[in-house]
Protein backbone atom coordinates (compact mmCIF):
# COMPACT_ATOMS: atom_id res chain seq x y z
CA MET A 1 119.68 107.85 99.33
CA MET A 2 116.81 108.76 97.06
CA PRO A 3 115.88 105.85 94.46
CA ARG A 4 117.04 106.31 91.00
CA THR A 5 114.92 105.98 87.84
CA ALA A 6 116.32 103.18 85.52
CA HIS A 7 115.95 105.29 82.06
CA THR A 8 117.40 108.63 83.41
CA GLY A 9 119.68 108.15 86.54
CA LYS A 10 118.11 111.35 88.06
CA ALA A 11 116.26 110.98 91.47
CA ALA A 12 112.81 109.95 91.35
CA ALA A 13 110.21 112.18 93.21
CA MET A 14 109.03 111.13 96.54
CA THR A 15 105.41 111.60 97.76
CA LEU A 16 105.03 113.22 101.29
CA PRO A 17 102.75 111.22 103.61
CA LYS A 18 99.25 112.87 104.52
CA GLY A 19 99.87 115.98 107.01
CA ALA A 20 103.55 116.14 106.46
CA LYS A 21 105.08 119.58 105.38
CA ARG A 22 107.95 119.90 102.96
CA ALA A 23 110.97 122.00 105.02
CA ALA A 24 114.50 122.27 104.25
CA LEU A 25 117.45 120.22 106.30
CA PRO A 26 119.03 121.92 109.16
CA GLN A 27 122.65 122.79 108.66
CA ALA A 28 123.48 120.40 111.34
CA LEU A 29 122.25 117.40 113.40
CA SER A 30 123.11 116.86 117.34
CA PRO A 31 122.80 113.45 118.38
CA GLN A 32 120.48 112.13 120.93
CA LEU A 33 122.78 110.62 123.71
CA ALA A 34 121.49 107.64 125.26
CA THR A 35 121.02 107.22 129.50
CA LEU A 36 122.06 103.99 130.94
CA VAL A 37 118.94 102.95 133.27
CA ASP A 38 118.30 99.85 135.10
CA LYS A 39 114.99 98.97 133.48
CA PRO A 40 112.67 100.04 130.06
CA PRO A 41 110.19 103.25 130.39
CA ALA A 42 106.70 102.46 132.13
CA ASP A 43 104.84 102.88 129.16
CA ASN A 44 106.17 100.17 127.49
CA GLY A 45 103.40 100.06 124.82
CA GLN A 46 105.24 102.72 122.81
CA TRP A 47 108.64 101.33 123.43
CA GLN A 48 110.14 98.54 121.56
CA TYR A 49 113.90 98.52 121.96
CA GLU A 50 117.02 100.50 122.24
CA VAL A 51 120.69 100.02 121.56
CA LYS A 52 122.93 101.13 124.07
CA PHE A 53 126.87 100.83 122.98
CA LYS A 54 129.56 101.82 125.71
């Protein structure tokens, strides 16, 4: 949900991060399904945690 301005109730303009390109949203999103494994990835410097629901 976009933040709204107090005086107009309209959506506030958002600033894109440097290098980001504005694009339309896709019609549908496919979920990324988790795979149960015995240990975290070998490169744990880039990995913090992953919640897996059964």
